């Protein structure tokens, strides 16, 4: 079992013991997403893939928060924000802007990228290093500014 998945399962047990219903429901959502992928693809997810699942959930929550705020539904936005905070506890420490820029510069140098046509190569090198540690949309914009 992936270390991160085991950590999430332990957190679920802790939330059950503490009778923390909000945290427990979010952790169950995470585990059900992981389980769904494992059943659909008939594989055991590793930590990198679990990070992808968590990243996707964070992005979904951010999108939902923006939509709920635009629709003037603060109670729903607050619920999404609480879920977002729980999901973030399982992600690694975010990288600083300097660290992200250094990784981007290294990727551009190692791929020999010279124009926007090479952006796919650069993102292919960057994504595994930044998965779960930076907003990939913001990273993509940073890469575009480098060309």
Protein backbone atom coordinates (compact mmCIF):
# COMPACT_ATOMS: atom_id res chain seq x y z
CA UNK A 1 0.00 0.00 0.00
CA UNK A 2 1.25 3.47 -0.84
CA UNK A 3 2.58 5.35 2.16
CA UNK A 4 0.35 8.36 1.51
CA UNK A 5 -2.74 6.15 1.15
CA UNK A 6 -1.89 4.47 4.47
CA UNK A 7 -1.48 7.89 6.08
CA UNK A 8 -4.94 8.92 4.81
CA UNK A 9 -6.47 5.68 6.15
CA UNK A 10 -4.90 6.33 9.56
CA UNK A 11 -6.25 9.89 9.50
CA UNK A 12 -9.71 8.45 8.84
CA UNK A 13 -9.44 6.24 11.92
CA UNK A 14 -8.25 9.21 13.99
CA UNK A 15 -11.18 11.32 12.77
CA UNK A 16 -13.58 8.51 13.68
CA UNK A 17 -12.13 8.29 17.19
CA UNK A 18 -12.30 12.07 17.59
CA UNK A 19 -15.86 12.11 16.20
CA UNK A 20 -14.80 14.87 13.78
CA UNK A 21 -17.60 14.46 11.21
CA UNK A 22 -16.47 17.17 8.76
CA UNK A 23 -12.89 15.88 8.55
CA UNK A 24 -14.11 12.28 8.36
CA UNK A 25 -16.45 12.97 5.45
CA UNK A 26 -13.68 14.69 3.47
CA UNK A 27 -11.23 11.87 4.15
CA UNK A 28 -13.85 9.36 3.02
CA UNK A 29 -14.25 11.36 -0.21
CA UNK A 30 -10.49 11.14 -0.78
CA UNK A 31 -10.39 7.40 -0.13
CA UNK A 32 -13.43 6.76 -2.34
CA UNK A 33 -11.77 8.63 -5.23
CA UNK A 34 -8.61 6.56 -4.76
CA UNK A 35 -10.60 3.32 -4.53
CA UNK A 36 -12.64 4.21 -7.62
CA UNK A 37 -9.47 4.62 -9.69
CA UNK A 38 -7.97 1.41 -8.30
CA UNK A 39 -11.11 -0.57 -9.18
CA UNK A 40 -11.54 1.02 -12.62
CA UNK A 41 -7.91 0.52 -13.65
CA UNK A 42 -7.31 -2.67 -11.60
CA UNK A 43 -4.10 -1.30 -10.08
CA UNK A 44 -2.73 -0.30 -6.69
CA UNK A 45 -2.03 3.45 -6.68
CA UNK A 46 1.44 4.62 -5.73
CA UNK A 47 2.19 7.87 -3.90
CA UNK A 48 2.66 9.84 -7.13
CA UNK A 49 -0.77 8.82 -8.38
CA UNK A 50 -2.39 9.53 -4.99
CA UNK A 51 -0.85 13.02 -5.19
CA UNK A 52 -2.47 13.46 -8.61
CA UNK A 53 -5.85 12.54 -7.12
CA UNK A 54 -5.36 15.02 -4.26
CA UNK A 55 -4.25 17.73 -6.72
CA UNK A 56 -7.37 17.19 -8.79
CA UNK A 57 -9.55 17.42 -5.69
CA UNK A 58 -7.86 20.68 -4.64
CA UNK A 59 -8.46 22.15 -8.10
CA UNK A 60 -12.12 21.08 -8.00
CA UNK A 61 -12.59 22.69 -4.58
CA UNK A 62 -10.99 25.96 -5.72
CA UNK A 63 -13.24 26.05 -8.79
CA UNK A 64 -16.32 25.33 -6.66
CA UNK A 65 -15.40 28.04 -4.15
CA UNK A 66 -15.09 30.60 -6.96
CA UNK A 67 -18.44 29.56 -8.44
CA UNK A 68 -20.23 29.61 -5.08
CA UNK A 69 -18.83 33.03 -4.24
CA UNK A 70 -19.91 34.35 -7.64
CA UNK A 71 -23.40 32.97 -6.97
CA UNK A 72 -23.40 34.57 -3.51
CA UNK A 73 -23.64 31.23 -1.67
CA UNK A 74 -21.11 31.74 1.16
CA UNK A 75 -22.32 28.72 3.18
CA UNK A 76 -21.47 26.35 0.30
CA UNK A 77 -18.18 28.13 -0.33
CA UNK A 78 -17.29 27.70 3.36
CA UNK A 79 -17.99 23.96 3.18
CA UNK A 80 -15.75 23.63 0.13
CA UNK A 81 -13.06 25.68 1.91
CA UNK A 82 -13.17 23.31 4.89
CA UNK A 83 -12.77 20.32 2.56
CA UNK A 84 -9.89 22.08 0.82
CA UNK A 85 -8.08 22.60 4.13
CA UNK A 86 -8.42 18.90 5.01
CA UNK A 87 -7.14 17.80 1.59
CA UNK A 88 -4.17 20.17 1.85
CA UNK A 89 -3.02 18.44 5.06
CA UNK A 90 -2.06 15.39 2.98
CA UNK A 91 -0.11 17.33 0.35
CA UNK A 92 3.62 17.97 0.72
CA UNK A 93 4.88 21.42 1.73
CA UNK A 94 4.35 23.91 -1.12
CA UNK A 95 7.45 25.18 -2.85
CA UNK A 96 8.53 28.81 -2.74
CA UNK A 97 8.47 30.96 -5.89
CA UNK A 98 12.28 30.83 -6.05
CA UNK A 99 12.29 27.02 -5.92
CA UNK A 100 9.61 26.82 -8.62
CA UNK A 101 11.54 29.23 -10.86
CA UNK A 102 14.74 27.20 -10.37
CA UNK A 103 12.95 23.98 -11.38
CA UNK A 104 11.47 25.71 -14.46
CA UNK A 105 14.87 27.10 -15.49
CA UNK A 106 16.49 23.66 -15.06
CA UNK A 107 13.75 22.03 -17.13
CA UNK A 108 14.12 24.60 -19.92
CA UNK A 109 17.89 24.10 -19.94
CA UNK A 110 17.72 20.29 -19.85
CA UNK A 111 15.15 20.05 -22.67
CA UNK A 112 16.81 22.73 -24.80
CA UNK A 113 13.47 24.49 -25.14
CA UNK A 114 13.61 27.64 -27.22
CA UNK A 115 10.00 28.52 -28.01
CA UNK A 116 6.38 27.95 -27.05
CA UNK A 117 6.42 24.87 -29.30
CA UNK A 118 8.65 23.19 -26.69
CA UNK A 119 6.34 23.94 -23.78
CA UNK A 120 4.98 20.38 -23.68
CA UNK A 121 8.48 18.97 -23.19
CA UNK A 122 9.18 21.45 -20.39
CA UNK A 123 5.88 20.73 -18.62
CA UNK A 124 6.54 17.00 -18.94
CA UNK A 125 9.78 17.42 -17.00
CA UNK A 126 8.33 19.87 -14.46
CA UNK A 127 5.05 18.14 -13.58
CA UNK A 128 6.45 15.13 -11.67
CA UNK A 129 8.68 17.41 -9.60
CA UNK A 130 5.93 19.87 -8.69
CA UNK A 131 2.93 17.53 -8.37
CA UNK A 132 1.07 18.43 -5.20
CA UNK A 133 3.58 21.14 -4.30
CA UNK A 134 2.48 23.95 -6.63
CA UNK A 135 -0.56 25.07 -8.62
CA UNK A 136 0.15 23.70 -12.08
CA UNK A 137 -1.95 26.42 -13.73
CA UNK A 138 0.24 29.10 -12.19
CA UNK A 139 3.37 27.13 -13.13
CA UNK A 140 2.16 26.93 -16.73
CA UNK A 141 1.76 30.71 -16.82
CA UNK A 142 5.28 31.12 -15.41
CA UNK A 143 6.70 28.84 -18.10
CA UNK A 144 4.93 30.90 -20.78
CA UNK A 145 6.59 34.07 -19.49
CA UNK A 146 10.01 32.44 -19.94
CA UNK A 147 9.60 32.19 -23.72
